[in-house]
Amino acid sequence: DSRIQRALGLSSGYFSFVGREDDSQIIKEVEDARLAEKRSQAGEDRSRDWICQKMRANGEACNARNFVKNETCYSCGAMRPRQGPTVKQVGDTDPGKRR
């Protein structure tokens, strides 16, 4: 209480904070709101990430998800294709493929 009073410029000492029955509920609601806001601000736009289409030795495509800034695949080292599919085109939302 005294640190808050000093920070607010209240030096008389007659002020004190009154506890409320719903303090813990309000704190939980505020924390939940902050977490939801943080989730909604996902950071960068990943819809332009590209999917590597290089064929592996076993005949399957690499299918690694790469950041738009990368010119080569993080997984196999293949160059980024000029007309290759993007995440938005493929609809890939698997977080395990993000790199």
C-alpha atoms as a PDB file:
ATOM      1  CA  ASP A   1       0.000   0.000   0.000  1.00  0.00           C
ATOM      2  CA  SER A   2       2.741   2.479   0.903  1.00  0.00           C
ATOM      3  CA  ARG A   3       4.581   2.006  -2.414  1.00  0.00           C
ATOM      4  CA  ILE A   4       1.403   2.626  -4.373  1.00  0.00           C
ATOM      5  CA  GLN A   5       0.589   5.703  -2.286  1.00  0.00           C
ATOM      6  CA  ARG A   6       4.070   7.118  -2.951  1.00  0.00           C
ATOM      7  CA  ALA A   7       3.758   6.373  -6.663  1.00  0.00           C
ATOM      8  CA  LEU A   8       0.451   8.215  -6.780  1.00  0.00           C
ATOM      9  CA  GLY A   9       1.816  11.108  -4.726  1.00  0.00           C
ATOM     10  CA  LEU A  10      -0.366  10.321  -1.725  1.00  0.00           C
ATOM     11  CA  SER A  11       1.703  10.798   1.399  1.00  0.00           C
ATOM     12  CA  SER A  12      -0.903  11.382   4.093  1.00  0.00           C
ATOM     13  CA  GLY A  13      -1.349   7.716   4.961  1.00  0.00           C
ATOM     14  CA  TYR A  14      -5.121   7.956   5.262  1.00  0.00           C
ATOM     15  CA  PHE A  15      -5.690   5.964   2.116  1.00  0.00           C
ATOM     16  CA  SER A  16      -5.870   2.220   1.995  1.00  0.00           C
ATOM     17  CA  PHE A  17      -7.184  -0.224  -0.545  1.00  0.00           C
ATOM     18  CA  VAL A  18     -10.274  -2.148   0.357  1.00  0.00           C
ATOM     19  CA  GLY A  19     -10.392  -5.811  -0.544  1.00  0.00           C
ATOM     20  CA  ARG A  20     -13.424  -7.016  -2.434  1.00  0.00           C
ATOM     21  CA  GLU A  21     -14.989 -10.439  -2.511  1.00  0.00           C
ATOM     22  CA  ASP A  22     -14.612 -10.682  -6.283  1.00  0.00           C
ATOM     23  CA  ASP A  23     -10.948  -9.560  -6.485  1.00  0.00           C
ATOM     24  CA  SER A  24      -9.688 -13.007  -7.487  1.00  0.00           C
ATOM     25  CA  GLN A  25     -12.430 -13.355 -10.112  1.00  0.00           C
ATOM     26  CA  ILE A  26     -11.580  -9.949 -11.592  1.00  0.00           C
ATOM     27  CA  ILE A  27      -7.890 -10.856 -11.727  1.00  0.00           C
ATOM     28  CA  LYS A  28      -8.720 -14.107 -13.535  1.00  0.00           C
ATOM     29  CA  GLU A  29     -10.937 -12.271 -16.042  1.00  0.00           C
ATOM     30  CA  VAL A  30      -8.212  -9.712 -16.761  1.00  0.00           C
ATOM     31  CA  GLU A  31      -5.583 -12.437 -17.230  1.00  0.00           C
ATOM     32  CA  ASP A  32      -7.921 -14.374 -19.539  1.00  0.00           C
ATOM     33  CA  ALA A  33      -8.589 -11.234 -21.576  1.00  0.00           C
ATOM     34  CA  ARG A  34      -4.858 -10.541 -21.905  1.00  0.00           C
ATOM     35  CA  LEU A  35      -4.199 -14.119 -23.001  1.00  0.00           C
ATOM     36  CA  ALA A  36      -7.002 -13.977 -25.579  1.00  0.00           C
ATOM     37  CA  GLU A  37      -5.649 -10.687 -26.926  1.00  0.00           C
ATOM     38  CA  LYS A  38      -2.157 -12.137 -27.165  1.00  0.00           C
ATOM     39  CA  ARG A  39      -3.491 -15.139 -29.104  1.00  0.00           C
ATOM     40  CA  SER A  40      -5.434 -12.920 -31.493  1.00  0.00           C
ATOM     41  CA  GLN A  41      -2.304 -10.917 -32.293  1.00  0.00           C
ATOM     42  CA  ALA A  42      -0.583 -13.860 -33.930  1.00  0.00           C
ATOM     43  CA  GLY A  43       2.390 -11.813 -35.054  1.00  0.00           C
ATOM     44  CA  GLU A  44       3.388 -12.274 -38.651  1.00  0.00           C
ATOM     45  CA  ASP A  45       1.184 -13.269 -41.569  1.00  0.00           C
ATOM     46  CA  ARG A  46       1.901 -16.903 -42.363  1.00  0.00           C
ATOM     47  CA  SER A  47      -0.529 -17.213 -45.256  1.00  0.00           C
ATOM     48  CA  ARG A  48       2.324 -16.522 -47.701  1.00  0.00           C
ATOM     49  CA  ASP A  49       4.600 -19.271 -46.344  1.00  0.00           C
ATOM     50  CA  TRP A  50       5.491 -21.749 -49.055  1.00  0.00           C
ATOM     51  CA  ILE A  51       5.308 -25.535 -49.224  1.00  0.00           C
ATOM     52  CA  CYS A  52       8.346 -27.427 -50.532  1.00  0.00           C
ATOM     53  CA  GLN A  53       7.425 -29.761 -53.384  1.00  0.00           C
ATOM     54  CA  LYS A  54      10.813 -31.437 -53.938  1.00  0.00           C
ATOM     55  CA  MET A  55      10.491 -35.206 -54.313  1.00  0.00           C
ATOM     56  CA  ARG A  56      12.397 -37.344 -51.839  1.00  0.00           C
ATOM     57  CA  ALA A  57      14.111 -40.633 -52.647  1.00  0.00           C
ATOM     58  CA  ASN A  58      11.075 -42.581 -51.438  1.00  0.00           C
ATOM     59  CA  GLY A  59       8.833 -40.803 -53.984  1.00  0.00           C
ATOM     60  CA  GLU A  60       7.027 -38.528 -51.516  1.00  0.00           C
ATOM     61  CA  ALA A  61       7.102 -34.741 -51.648  1.00  0.00           C
ATOM     62  CA  CYS A  62       9.051 -32.964 -48.893  1.00  0.00           C
ATOM     63  CA  ASN A  63       5.933 -30.879 -47.983  1.00  0.00           C
ATOM     64  CA  ALA A  64       7.859 -28.830 -45.419  1.00  0.00           C
ATOM     65  CA  ARG A  65       6.304 -25.475 -44.557  1.00  0.00           C
ATOM     66  CA  ASN A  66       8.795 -22.615 -44.966  1.00  0.00           C
ATOM     67  CA  PHE A  67       8.701 -18.934 -44.053  1.00  0.00           C
ATOM     68  CA  VAL A  68       8.130 -16.569 -46.971  1.00  0.00           C
ATOM     69  CA  LYS A  69      11.554 -14.983 -46.313  1.00  0.00           C
ATOM     70  CA  ASN A  70      13.426 -18.271 -46.895  1.00  0.00           C
ATOM     71  CA  GLU A  71      14.759 -18.934 -50.380  1.00  0.00           C
ATOM     72  CA  THR A  72      15.627 -22.556 -49.587  1.00  0.00           C
ATOM     73  CA  CYS A  73      13.730 -25.290 -47.762  1.00  0.00           C
ATOM     74  CA  TYR A  74      14.843 -25.739 -44.159  1.00  0.00           C
ATOM     75  CA  SER A  75      14.337 -29.501 -44.423  1.00  0.00           C
ATOM     76  CA  CYS A  76      15.849 -30.573 -47.733  1.00  0.00           C
ATOM     77  CA  GLY A  77      17.624 -27.429 -48.985  1.00  0.00           C
ATOM     78  CA  ALA A  78      15.626 -27.179 -52.229  1.00  0.00           C
ATOM     79  CA  MET A  79      15.289 -23.750 -53.812  1.00  0.00           C
ATOM     80  CA  ARG A  80      11.954 -21.976 -53.457  1.00  0.00           C
ATOM     81  CA  PRO A  81       9.881 -22.457 -56.640  1.00  0.00           C
ATOM     82  CA  ARG A  82       8.643 -19.355 -58.428  1.00  0.00           C
ATOM     83  CA  GLN A  83       5.098 -20.651 -58.811  1.00  0.00           C
ATOM     84  CA  GLY A  84       4.986 -23.073 -55.884  1.00  0.00           C
ATOM     85  CA  PRO A  85       1.973 -23.395 -53.599  1.00  0.00           C
ATOM     86  CA  THR A  86       1.599 -21.172 -50.567  1.00  0.00           C
ATOM     87  CA  VAL A  87      -0.011 -22.114 -47.269  1.00  0.00           C
ATOM     88  CA  LYS A  88      -3.063 -20.025 -48.173  1.00  0.00           C
ATOM     89  CA  GLN A  89      -3.521 -21.966 -51.427  1.00  0.00           C
ATOM     90  CA  VAL A  90      -3.042 -25.368 -49.802  1.00  0.00           C
ATOM     91  CA  GLY A  91      -4.935 -24.559 -46.604  1.00  0.00           C
ATOM     92  CA  ASP A  92      -2.249 -26.139 -44.416  1.00  0.00           C
ATOM     93  CA  THR A  93      -2.826 -25.203 -40.794  1.00  0.00           C
ATOM     94  CA  ASP A  94      -0.754 -27.941 -39.177  1.00  0.00           C
ATOM     95  CA  PRO A  95       1.542 -26.131 -36.707  1.00  0.00           C
ATOM     96  CA  GLY A  96       3.971 -29.056 -36.860  1.00  0.00           C
ATOM     97  CA  LYS A  97       4.885 -28.134 -40.430  1.00  0.00           C
ATOM     98  CA  ARG A  98       5.773 -24.487 -39.671  1.00  0.00           C
ATOM     99  CA  ARG A  99       9.415 -23.600 -40.004  1.00  0.00           C
END
